[in-house]
N, C-alpha and C. Protein backbone atom coordinates (compact mmCIF):
# COMPACT_ATOMS: atom_id res chain seq x y z
N MET A 1 -7.09 -6.48 -18.62
CA MET A 1 -5.89 -7.81 -18.36
C MET A 1 -4.90 -7.33 -17.00
N GLN A 2 -4.97 -7.98 -16.40
CA GLN A 2 -3.94 -8.10 -15.13
C GLN A 2 -1.88 -8.05 -15.37
N HIS A 3 -1.72 -7.18 -15.90
CA HIS A 3 -0.22 -6.89 -15.52
C HIS A 3 0.80 -7.58 -14.83
N PHE A 4 0.42 -7.52 -13.42
CA PHE A 4 1.42 -7.37 -12.55
C PHE A 4 0.61 -8.55 -11.59
N HIS A 5 1.10 -9.20 -10.49
CA HIS A 5 0.70 -10.44 -9.67
C HIS A 5 0.77 -9.39 -8.41
N ASP A 6 -0.26 -9.72 -7.98
CA ASP A 6 -0.34 -8.72 -6.58
C ASP A 6 0.90 -9.51 -4.99
N GLU A 7 0.78 -10.48 -5.56
CA GLU A 7 2.36 -10.80 -4.75
C GLU A 7 3.60 -9.82 -5.09
N TRP A 8 3.84 -9.70 -6.11
CA TRP A 8 5.21 -9.02 -7.13
C TRP A 8 5.39 -7.92 -6.14
N ILE A 9 3.77 -7.17 -5.72
CA ILE A 9 3.58 -5.45 -5.01
C ILE A 9 4.02 -5.84 -3.97
N GLN A 10 3.09 -6.89 -3.55
CA GLN A 10 3.61 -6.91 -2.13
C GLN A 10 4.69 -6.78 -1.84
N GLU A 11 5.79 -7.73 -2.03
CA GLU A 11 6.72 -8.19 -2.16
C GLU A 11 7.52 -6.57 -2.12
N TRP A 12 6.88 -6.06 -2.48
CA TRP A 12 7.87 -4.73 -2.92
C TRP A 12 7.31 -3.60 -1.80
N CYS A 13 6.52 -3.40 -1.32
CA CYS A 13 5.48 -2.71 -0.03
C CYS A 13 6.32 -3.69 1.49
N ASP A 14 6.66 -4.50 1.38
CA ASP A 14 7.11 -5.16 2.55
C ASP A 14 8.60 -4.59 2.72
N HIS A 15 9.24 -5.08 1.08
CA HIS A 15 10.39 -4.65 1.25
C HIS A 15 11.19 -2.75 2.14
N ASN A 16 10.15 -2.20 0.75
CA ASN A 16 10.23 -0.58 1.61
C ASN A 16 8.93 0.30 1.92
N GLY A 17 8.79 -0.15 3.09
CA GLY A 17 7.83 -0.16 4.13
C GLY A 17 6.86 0.20 3.66
N TRP A 18 6.23 0.19 2.56
CA TRP A 18 4.89 0.43 2.40
C TRP A 18 3.27 -0.48 2.87
N THR A 19 2.50 -0.49 3.62
CA THR A 19 1.89 -0.89 4.06
C THR A 19 -0.19 -0.70 3.47
N ASP A 20 -0.48 -1.95 3.57
CA ASP A 20 -2.22 -1.49 3.17
C ASP A 20 -1.92 -1.74 1.64
N LEU A 21 -1.52 -2.51 1.30
CA LEU A 21 -1.85 -2.72 -0.12
C LEU A 21 -2.78 -2.93 -0.36
N VAL A 22 -3.90 -1.86 -2.06
CA VAL A 22 -5.05 -1.67 -2.43
C VAL A 22 -4.55 -1.54 -3.50
N ARG A 23 -5.50 -2.68 -4.33
CA ARG A 23 -5.57 -2.93 -5.97
C ARG A 23 -6.46 -2.38 -6.02
N GLU A 24 -6.66 -1.48 -7.15
CA GLU A 24 -8.41 -1.04 -7.54
C GLU A 24 -7.86 -1.81 -9.23
N ARG A 25 -8.80 -1.07 -10.05
CA ARG A 25 -9.52 -1.84 -11.16
C ARG A 25 -8.12 -1.10 -11.93
N TYR A 26 -7.49 -1.76 -13.28
CA TYR A 26 -6.74 -1.39 -14.19
C TYR A 26 -5.81 -1.30 -13.86
N ASN A 27 -4.54 -2.19 -12.63
CA ASN A 27 -3.44 -2.12 -12.51
C ASN A 27 -3.15 -0.88 -11.54
N SER A 28 -4.19 -0.15 -10.64
CA SER A 28 -4.22 1.05 -10.03
C SER A 28 -3.45 0.39 -8.69
N TYR A 29 -2.26 0.23 -8.13
CA TYR A 29 -2.06 -0.11 -6.33
C TYR A 29 -1.79 1.23 -6.23
N TRP A 30 -2.66 1.51 -5.00
CA TRP A 30 -2.73 2.22 -3.39
C TRP A 30 -1.42 1.08 -2.79
N ALA A 31 -1.17 2.76 -1.82
CA ALA A 31 -0.73 1.85 -0.46
C ALA A 31 -0.18 3.19 0.53
N PHE A 32 -0.12 2.84 1.69
CA PHE A 32 0.25 3.97 2.97
C PHE A 32 2.02 3.91 2.66
N PRO A 33 2.59 5.04 2.18
CA PRO A 33 4.32 5.39 2.57
C PRO A 33 4.47 5.05 3.69
N PRO A 34 5.89 4.69 3.96
CA PRO A 34 5.91 5.32 5.24
C PRO A 34 6.15 6.72 6.14
N ASN A 35 5.07 6.25 7.12
CA ASN A 35 5.38 7.15 8.22
C ASN A 35 4.15 8.05 7.65
N CYS A 36 3.07 7.90 6.38
CA CYS A 36 2.09 8.68 5.93
C CYS A 36 0.73 8.41 6.63
N VAL A 37 -0.19 9.50 6.23
CA VAL A 37 -1.33 8.86 6.89
C VAL A 37 -2.44 8.77 5.96
N MET A 38 -1.90 9.19 4.51
CA MET A 38 -2.77 8.73 3.45
C MET A 38 -2.13 8.28 1.96
N PRO A 39 -3.20 7.04 1.67
CA PRO A 39 -2.56 6.51 0.81
C PRO A 39 -2.26 6.95 -0.35
N GLU A 40 -1.03 6.60 -1.30
CA GLU A 40 -0.82 6.96 -2.16
C GLU A 40 -0.31 6.08 -3.36
N PRO A 41 -0.42 6.39 -4.84
CA PRO A 41 -0.08 5.48 -6.01
C PRO A 41 1.09 4.91 -5.58
N ILE A 42 1.56 4.33 -6.11
CA ILE A 42 2.56 3.05 -6.18
C ILE A 42 2.73 3.78 -7.05
N PRO A 43 4.14 4.44 -7.53
CA PRO A 43 4.72 5.57 -8.88
C PRO A 43 5.30 4.23 -9.59
N GLN A 44 5.03 4.73 -10.64
CA GLN A 44 4.91 4.10 -12.28
C GLN A 44 6.18 3.63 -12.70
N LYS A 45 7.39 4.28 -11.87
CA LYS A 45 8.94 3.93 -12.27
C LYS A 45 9.07 2.84 -11.52
N VAL A 46 8.51 2.65 -10.14
CA VAL A 46 8.35 1.29 -9.35
C VAL A 46 7.99 -0.36 -10.28
N MET A 47 6.59 0.84 -10.73
CA MET A 47 5.82 -0.60 -11.14
C MET A 47 6.81 -0.63 -12.65
N ARG A 48 7.38 -0.04 -13.43
CA ARG A 48 7.79 -0.64 -14.51
C ARG A 48 9.56 -1.44 -14.28
N LEU A 49 9.86 -1.23 -12.66
CA LEU A 49 11.37 -1.99 -12.88
C LEU A 49 11.00 -3.17 -12.29
N ILE A 50 9.60 -3.34 -11.30
CA ILE A 50 9.28 -5.05 -11.32
C ILE A 50 8.84 -5.58 -12.22
N LYS A 51 7.82 -4.59 -13.63
CA LYS A 51 7.93 -5.15 -14.53
C LYS A 51 8.76 -6.15 -15.42
N ASN A 52 10.26 -5.05 -15.38
CA ASN A 52 11.19 -5.38 -16.24
C ASN A 52 11.52 -6.24 -15.45
N GLU A 53 11.47 -6.60 -13.71
CA GLU A 53 12.55 -7.93 -13.15
C GLU A 53 11.92 -8.61 -13.20
N LYS A 54 10.16 -8.68 -12.99
CA LYS A 54 9.52 -10.25 -13.00
C LYS A 54 9.56 -10.81 -14.44
N GLY A 55 8.82 -9.91 -15.02
CA GLY A 55 8.36 -10.81 -16.70
C GLY A 55 7.07 -10.59 -16.88
N LEU A 56 6.41 -11.45 -17.54
CA LEU A 56 5.09 -11.68 -17.64
C LEU A 56 4.16 -12.08 -16.95
N SER A 57 2.86 -11.37 -16.41
CA SER A 57 2.12 -12.43 -15.79
C SER A 57 1.85 -13.36 -16.31
N LYS A 58 0.58 -14.02 -15.36
CA LYS A 58 0.19 -15.64 -15.79
C LYS A 58 -0.88 -15.31 -17.30
N ASN A 59 -1.48 -14.06 -17.13
CA ASN A 59 -2.53 -14.03 -17.59
C ASN A 59 -1.57 -13.62 -19.10
N GLU A 60 -0.47 -12.84 -19.30
CA GLU A 60 0.01 -12.77 -20.41
C GLU A 60 0.71 -13.62 -20.75
N GLN A 61 0.99 -14.63 -20.21
CA GLN A 61 1.77 -16.28 -20.71
C GLN A 61 0.46 -16.37 -21.46
N LYS A 62 -0.66 -16.55 -20.90
CA LYS A 62 -2.01 -17.33 -21.69
C LYS A 62 -2.01 -16.89 -23.44
N LEU A 63 -1.83 -15.36 -22.71
CA LEU A 63 -2.26 -14.39 -24.21
C LEU A 63 -1.03 -14.89 -25.30
N VAL A 64 0.12 -14.76 -24.88
CA VAL A 64 0.99 -15.05 -25.98
C VAL A 64 0.99 -16.39 -26.51
N VAL A 65 1.08 -17.61 -25.95
CA VAL A 65 0.77 -19.12 -25.85
C VAL A 65 -0.72 -18.86 -27.08
N SER A 66 -1.32 -18.54 -26.10
CA SER A 66 -2.62 -18.24 -27.54
C SER A 66 -2.66 -18.15 -28.75
N THR A 67 -1.68 -16.63 -28.78
CA THR A 67 -1.97 -16.27 -30.45
C THR A 67 -0.91 -16.99 -30.86
N GLY A 68 0.05 -17.33 -30.37
CA GLY A 68 1.18 -18.66 -30.83
C GLY A 68 0.52 -19.73 -31.72
N ILE A 69 -0.43 -20.71 -30.83
CA ILE A 69 -1.14 -21.46 -30.98
C ILE A 69 -2.25 -20.60 -32.62
N VAL A 70 -2.61 -20.22 -32.43
CA VAL A 70 -3.66 -19.23 -33.48
C VAL A 70 -3.01 -19.58 -34.66
N ALA A 71 -1.50 -18.54 -34.84
CA ALA A 71 -0.25 -18.16 -35.78
C ALA A 71 -0.59 -19.52 -36.23
N VAL A 72 -0.47 -20.39 -35.67
CA VAL A 72 0.81 -21.76 -36.13
C VAL A 72 -0.91 -22.17 -36.96
N LEU A 73 -1.76 -22.28 -36.57
CA LEU A 73 -2.89 -23.54 -36.86
C LEU A 73 -3.53 -22.15 -38.38
N ALA A 74 -3.42 -20.76 -38.23
CA ALA A 74 -3.77 -20.51 -38.94
C ALA A 74 -3.17 -20.61 -40.85
N LEU A 75 -1.61 -20.90 -40.13
CA LEU A 75 -0.70 -20.56 -40.84
C LEU A 75 -0.93 -21.66 -42.05
N LEU A 76 -1.07 -23.08 -41.35
CA LEU A 76 -1.46 -24.80 -41.92
C LEU A 76 -2.67 -24.36 -42.25
N SER A 77 -3.45 -24.11 -42.38
CA SER A 77 -4.88 -23.75 -43.01
C SER A 77 -4.88 -23.37 -44.02
N SER A 78 -3.65 -22.25 -44.05
CA SER A 78 -3.86 -20.99 -45.24
C SER A 78 -2.92 -21.99 -46.90
């Protein structure tokens, strides 16, 4: 499940001077920090800060809604 929108990470990279954002599998994001020649992973501290600021991604919102619907249907059928 994708926990971040790529646009959120790209916005942070643009604001902080990181370039050439690449998303690897399982929410691992890499980019070139300012004045560096090797890509580095986006720090987890930054990822948590972005997540706290932006909230749930679309996939997570869909999961929450579908879980609520299933719970209501299970309650009604029992």
